[in-house]
Protein backbone atom coordinates (compact mmCIF):
# COMPACT_ATOMS: atom_id res chain seq x y z
CA MET A 1 -12.71 -27.78 -4.25
CA GLU A 2 -14.36 -25.14 -2.68
CA SER A 3 -18.14 -24.49 -3.09
CA ASN A 4 -19.36 -21.54 -4.92
CA ILE A 5 -22.34 -21.43 -3.07
CA ILE A 6 -22.89 -19.11 -0.28
CA LYS A 7 -22.99 -20.59 3.45
CA GLU A 8 -23.26 -18.43 6.69
CA ASN A 9 -20.04 -17.16 7.90
CA ASP A 10 -18.65 -16.89 4.11
CA PHE A 11 -17.33 -13.66 3.36
CA ILE A 12 -18.76 -11.63 0.11
CA PHE A 13 -17.27 -8.84 -1.52
CA LEU A 14 -20.54 -6.83 -2.38
CA VAL A 15 -20.65 -4.38 -5.38
CA LEU A 16 -22.71 -1.43 -5.68
CA ASP A 17 -20.67 0.51 -8.46
CA ASP A 18 -16.67 1.27 -9.04
CA ARG A 19 -16.51 3.48 -5.71
CA ARG A 20 -19.16 1.77 -3.43
CA ARG A 21 -18.28 -1.81 -2.46
CA TRP A 22 -18.00 -3.70 0.95
CA LEU A 23 -16.23 -6.80 2.53
CA VAL A 24 -19.16 -8.50 4.21
CA GLN A 25 -19.12 -11.45 6.32
CA VAL A 26 -22.90 -13.73 6.02
CA LYS A 27 -24.74 -13.91 9.24
CA LYS A 28 -28.25 -15.51 9.24
CA GLY A 29 -31.10 -13.42 10.02
CA GLU A 30 -28.48 -10.18 9.78
CA GLU A 31 -28.96 -7.34 6.98
CA PHE A 32 -26.60 -5.10 5.71
CA HIS A 33 -27.98 -1.27 5.55
CA THR A 34 -26.98 1.02 2.38
CA HIS A 35 -28.17 4.35 1.09
CA LYS A 36 -29.50 2.48 -1.91
CA GLY A 37 -31.71 -0.05 0.46
CA ILE A 38 -31.13 -3.24 2.66
CA ILE A 39 -29.64 -6.22 1.71
CA SER A 40 -30.87 -9.80 4.06
CA HIS A 41 -28.14 -11.82 4.60
CA SER A 42 -30.59 -14.74 4.75
CA ASP A 43 -31.50 -13.93 0.90
CA LEU A 44 -28.03 -14.29 0.45
CA ILE A 45 -27.36 -17.97 1.47
CA GLY A 46 -27.48 -20.54 -0.94
CA LYS A 47 -26.77 -18.20 -3.76
CA ALA A 48 -23.91 -19.00 -6.09
CA PHE A 49 -20.99 -16.25 -6.02
CA GLY A 50 -20.62 -13.97 -9.14
CA THR A 51 -24.90 -13.43 -9.07
CA CYS A 52 -26.37 -10.36 -8.19
CA ILE A 53 -29.19 -9.65 -5.62
CA PHE A 54 -31.70 -6.19 -5.43
CA SER A 55 -31.93 -4.13 -2.26
CA LYS A 56 -35.24 -4.02 -0.52
CA PRO A 57 -37.66 -2.52 -0.15
CA HIS A 58 -37.75 -3.31 -4.20
CA GLU A 59 -40.67 -1.06 -4.72
CA SER A 60 -38.85 2.09 -3.45
CA GLN A 61 -34.88 0.62 -3.75
CA GLY A 62 -34.58 -2.06 -5.98
CA TYR A 63 -30.68 -1.35 -6.37
CA LYS A 64 -28.79 -4.05 -8.24
CA PHE A 65 -25.39 -5.00 -5.90
CA TYR A 66 -23.14 -7.89 -7.42
CA ILE A 67 -22.22 -10.29 -5.15
CA LEU A 68 -18.32 -11.67 -5.98
CA LYS A 69 -16.03 -14.38 -4.10
CA PRO A 70 -13.41 -11.78 -2.39
CA TYR A 71 -9.71 -12.41 -4.03
CA PRO A 72 -6.94 -12.05 -1.59
CA SER A 73 -6.93 -8.14 -2.74
CA ASP A 74 -10.01 -7.58 -2.09
CA PHE A 75 -9.62 -8.40 2.08
CA ILE A 76 -6.30 -6.22 1.77
CA LEU A 77 -8.24 -2.81 0.69
CA HIS A 78 -11.25 -3.26 2.45
CA MET A 79 -10.60 -4.55 5.60
CA ALA A 80 -10.49 -2.55 8.75
CA ARG A 81 -7.14 -1.24 9.62
CA LYS A 82 -5.55 1.32 11.76
CA THR A 83 -1.78 1.18 9.81
CA GLN A 84 -0.86 2.18 6.33
CA ILE A 85 -1.43 -0.95 4.29
CA ILE A 86 1.34 -2.86 1.58
CA TYR A 87 -1.15 -2.70 -1.31
CA PRO A 88 -1.52 -5.65 -3.88
CA LYS A 89 1.11 -4.47 -6.68
CA ASP A 90 3.46 -4.36 -3.76
CA ALA A 91 2.50 -7.49 -2.28
CA GLY A 92 2.58 -9.35 -6.05
CA ILE A 93 6.21 -8.70 -6.78
CA ILE A 94 7.16 -9.69 -3.04
CA LEU A 95 5.48 -13.23 -3.95
CA LEU A 96 7.36 -13.40 -7.23
CA HIS A 97 10.96 -11.98 -6.19
CA THR A 98 10.78 -14.22 -3.09
CA GLY A 99 9.64 -17.60 -4.04
CA ILE A 100 6.76 -17.50 -1.48
CA GLY A 101 4.32 -20.38 -2.11
CA PRO A 102 2.85 -23.43 -0.97
CA GLY A 103 4.82 -25.12 2.11
CA CYS A 104 6.84 -22.04 2.75
CA LYS A 105 8.00 -20.71 5.61
CA VAL A 106 8.19 -16.95 5.98
CA ILE A 107 8.63 -14.51 9.03
CA GLU A 108 7.02 -11.42 8.85
CA ALA A 109 8.42 -8.30 11.21
CA GLY A 110 5.63 -6.00 11.56
CA CYS A 111 2.73 -7.36 10.75
CA GLY A 112 0.46 -3.77 10.85
CA SER A 113 -3.22 -4.29 10.35
CA GLY A 114 -2.55 -8.05 8.53
CA ALA A 115 -3.02 -7.03 5.18
CA LEU A 116 -0.15 -8.32 3.53
CA THR A 117 -0.35 -11.24 6.26
CA CYS A 118 -3.21 -12.20 4.92
CA ILE A 119 -1.96 -12.51 1.32
CA LEU A 120 0.98 -14.44 2.17
CA GLY A 121 -1.06 -16.57 4.75
CA ASN A 122 -2.72 -17.40 1.36
CA TYR A 123 -0.27 -18.23 -0.88
CA VAL A 124 1.58 -20.92 2.18
CA ARG A 125 -1.44 -22.80 2.03
CA PRO A 126 -1.77 -26.02 2.45
CA ASN A 127 1.07 -26.71 4.63
CA GLY A 128 3.11 -23.87 5.31
CA HIS A 129 3.16 -21.42 7.60
CA ILE A 130 3.54 -17.51 8.50
CA PHE A 131 4.97 -16.39 11.73
CA SER A 132 4.08 -12.39 12.03
CA TYR A 133 5.78 -10.38 15.03
CA ASP A 134 5.10 -6.62 16.29
CA ILE A 135 5.87 -4.79 18.96
CA ARG A 136 2.40 -2.57 18.83
CA GLU A 137 -0.74 -4.13 20.67
CA LYS A 138 -2.84 -2.06 18.59
CA SER A 139 -1.53 -3.61 15.51
CA LEU A 140 -1.48 -7.35 17.16
CA LYS A 141 -5.28 -6.97 17.98
CA GLN A 142 -6.27 -5.59 14.54
CA ALA A 143 -4.25 -7.88 12.73
CA THR A 144 -5.64 -11.02 15.09
CA LYS A 145 -9.28 -9.87 13.64
CA ASN A 146 -8.23 -9.72 10.10
CA ILE A 147 -6.38 -13.23 9.95
CA LYS A 148 -9.75 -14.66 11.59
CA LYS A 149 -12.24 -12.99 9.24
CA ALA A 150 -10.20 -14.51 6.01
CA ASN A 151 -10.09 -17.73 8.24
CA LEU A 152 -6.30 -18.17 7.91
CA ASN A 153 -5.78 -19.34 11.41
CA ASP A 154 -4.05 -22.37 10.65
CA TYR A 155 -1.69 -20.84 8.34
CA VAL A 156 -0.50 -17.34 10.19
CA SER A 157 0.33 -16.81 13.85
CA ILE A 158 0.38 -13.28 15.15
CA ASN A 159 2.99 -12.99 18.24
CA TYR A 160 4.35 -10.09 20.03
CA GLY A 161 8.08 -9.99 19.21
CA ASN A 162 11.14 -7.63 18.63
CA ILE A 163 13.15 -9.29 15.81
CA LEU A 164 16.07 -6.73 16.82
CA GLU A 165 16.17 -7.82 20.45
CA ASP A 166 14.22 -11.12 20.99
CA ASP A 167 15.78 -14.64 19.76
CA LEU A 168 12.93 -15.97 17.87
CA ASN A 169 13.98 -19.55 17.51
CA HIS A 170 13.69 -20.29 13.93
CA LYS A 171 15.82 -22.11 11.77
CA ASN A 172 15.27 -22.95 7.89
CA ILE A 173 13.08 -20.11 7.21
CA ASP A 174 12.27 -19.42 3.26
CA ALA A 175 11.83 -16.37 3.21
CA ILE A 176 11.46 -12.81 5.71
CA VAL A 177 9.69 -9.62 5.20
CA LEU A 178 10.68 -6.71 6.98
CA ASP A 179 8.03 -3.38 7.19
CA MET A 180 9.48 -1.93 9.74
CA PRO A 181 11.12 1.96 10.28
CA THR A 182 15.04 0.44 10.57
CA PRO A 183 15.12 -2.30 8.54
CA TRP A 184 19.26 -2.63 8.16
CA LEU A 185 19.72 -2.98 12.16
CA ALA A 186 17.42 -6.23 11.50
CA ILE A 187 19.87 -7.95 8.77
CA GLU A 188 22.28 -9.44 10.64
CA LYS A 189 20.09 -10.72 13.14
CA VAL A 190 17.81 -12.75 10.98
CA LYS A 191 20.02 -13.75 9.08
CA LYS A 192 20.44 -16.89 11.23
CA TYR A 193 17.13 -17.70 10.71
CA LEU A 194 17.02 -18.19 6.70
CA LYS A 195 18.18 -21.19 5.16
CA LEU A 196 20.41 -21.07 2.26
CA SER A 197 19.51 -19.69 -0.82
CA GLY A 198 16.43 -18.15 1.23
CA SER A 199 15.04 -14.18 0.60
CA ILE A 200 14.85 -11.34 2.37
CA VAL A 201 12.54 -8.62 1.27
CA SER A 202 12.36 -5.36 3.20
CA PHE A 203 9.62 -2.47 2.60
CA SER A 204 10.73 1.18 2.86
CA PRO A 205 8.82 4.82 1.97
CA THR A 206 12.35 6.35 1.60
CA ILE A 207 15.14 5.98 -0.42
CA GLU A 208 17.47 6.77 2.66
CA GLN A 209 16.60 3.64 4.02
CA VAL A 210 16.85 1.73 1.20
CA LYS A 211 20.24 2.47 0.98
CA LYS A 212 21.14 1.84 4.49
CA THR A 213 19.27 -1.48 4.08
CA THR A 214 21.46 -2.44 1.06
CA PHE A 215 24.64 -1.64 2.56
CA GLU A 216 24.38 -3.76 5.18
CA MET A 217 22.76 -6.74 3.38
CA GLU A 218 26.11 -6.47 1.08
CA LYS A 219 28.28 -6.33 4.29
CA ASN A 220 26.78 -9.50 5.51
CA ASP A 221 27.08 -11.39 2.13
CA PHE A 222 23.38 -11.31 0.43
CA PHE A 223 23.57 -11.78 -3.34
CA GLU A 224 21.21 -10.54 -6.11
CA ILE A 225 20.65 -7.41 -4.24
CA ILE A 226 17.65 -5.16 -6.06
CA SER A 227 15.57 -2.30 -5.38
CA VAL A 228 12.34 -1.28 -7.41
CA GLU A 229 9.64 1.20 -7.05
CA LEU A 230 6.35 -0.07 -8.76
CA LEU A 231 3.75 2.27 -10.33
CA ILE A 232 0.49 0.97 -11.67
CA ARG A 233 -2.16 3.01 -13.36
CA GLU A 234 -5.54 1.76 -14.22
CA MET A 235 -6.79 2.59 -17.94
CA GLN A 236 -10.10 4.50 -18.49
CA ILE A 237 -11.94 2.81 -21.49
CA LYS A 238 -13.93 5.10 -23.59
CA GLU A 239 -15.00 4.37 -27.45
CA ASN A 240 -13.00 7.72 -28.19
CA ALA A 241 -11.74 8.81 -25.03
CA THR A 242 -9.62 6.24 -24.03
CA ARG A 243 -6.25 7.36 -21.66
CA PRO A 244 -5.19 6.72 -17.85
CA ASN A 245 -7.52 7.57 -14.98
CA THR A 246 -6.57 10.90 -13.55
CA ARG A 247 -6.39 9.32 -10.21
CA MET A 248 -3.69 6.38 -9.95
CA ILE A 249 -1.71 4.85 -6.31
CA GLY A 250 1.38 6.32 -7.23
CA HIS A 251 4.47 5.79 -4.71
CA SER A 252 3.55 3.79 -1.82
CA GLY A 253 7.31 2.29 -0.90
CA TYR A 254 10.65 0.84 -2.64
CA LEU A 255 11.38 -2.82 -2.11
CA THR A 256 14.92 -4.32 -1.62
CA PHE A 257 15.57 -8.07 -2.07
CA GLY A 258 18.37 -10.26 -1.53
CA ARG A 259 19.16 -13.94 -1.37
CA LYS A 260 21.09 -15.65 1.69
CA ILE A 261 24.37 -17.38 0.56
CA GLU A 262 27.25 -18.96 1.63
CA ASN A 263 30.51 -16.56 0.33
CA LYS A 264 33.46 -18.26 0.20
CA LYS A 265 36.99 -17.31 -1.05
CA ASN A 266 38.01 -18.51 -4.46
CA PRO A 267 41.50 -20.52 -4.09
CA TYR A 268 41.88 -21.18 -8.08
CA ARG A 269 41.10 -17.73 -9.48
CA GLY A 270 43.26 -16.00 -7.18
CA ILE A 271 45.15 -12.83 -8.61
CA LYS A 272 48.74 -14.50 -9.33
CA PRO A 273 52.13 -11.98 -9.19
CA ARG A 274 53.16 -10.87 -12.14
CA LYS A 275 56.56 -11.34 -13.42
CA LYS A 276 58.68 -8.62 -14.09
CA GLU A 277 58.99 -7.51 -17.84
CA PHE A 278 62.14 -7.77 -19.40
CA ILE A 279 62.53 -5.71 -22.73
CA ASN A 280 65.72 -6.91 -24.77
CA LEU A 281 66.84 -4.12 -26.99
CA ASP A 282 69.77 -5.53 -28.67
CA GLY A 283 69.94 -5.27 -32.26
CA MET A 284 66.90 -3.10 -32.64
CA PRO A 285 67.72 0.28 -34.57
CA LEU A 286 67.94 2.98 -32.02
CA ARG A 287 68.18 6.56 -32.26
CA ASP A 288 71.40 8.22 -31.19
CA ILE A 289 70.95 11.54 -28.78
CA ASP A 290 72.22 14.69 -29.61
CA ASP A 291 73.86 16.25 -26.70
CA ASN A 292 71.32 18.84 -27.37
CA GLU A 293 68.68 16.40 -26.31
CA LYS A 294 70.11 14.98 -23.18
């Protein structure tokens, strides 16, 4: 079980208020400077997560900072990044609809700054692995730094690779996550990496991308294909004025899911040719037709 006591090189989530919060790695002898005073790293070591500390100098500053253990969502929202991130709201539904968990092997195409990679890496521990690929050198460098900061090196590999052109030499992959401009071009290529009943998910900002990806999934016999958009809004709770917050994270992207199956033609329930129908009119009271009706 992980200790609840802060040690050197641990990450802490340092919170002043609703807007001012930082992800800080504790280094003995260093200081964290804010406009509300200074936090000495040496004073943090040995404290328990969930406690608070007061900024120095105490006489002129003395502001209260809360010390929390970072969640994966905190790493995502406060890590250094150069690209748009996949928000925790989208990461959560990716985990639920793909079944990614401990022991899973996952391919990620488009690591960006490593935000989603960090979440996936946390959930496949202790014996799973994330194989993340990108073709942008800046993204690879930034993602590598963030994965190292999150202490996930044993569970995540960041590699240069073009999923549309390169043979990644994987098999029996549990899930594939596509965060790229043209995900529909990758569907046929990556299908061979997936195990049967394995999941594929594509994150796209526009509905045109979703349509092309969906049609390509159908063409390649993926099953249970769905597309969703998840919106989340926080509530402002006051004694006599409770309402949704004015600001919210609205549209971030669409998520399209599908599962790999082995599709076979049904030999038992095929459509049988119909027999010609014959109606016997013998003995039926038929009305005579007048010459005028002929």
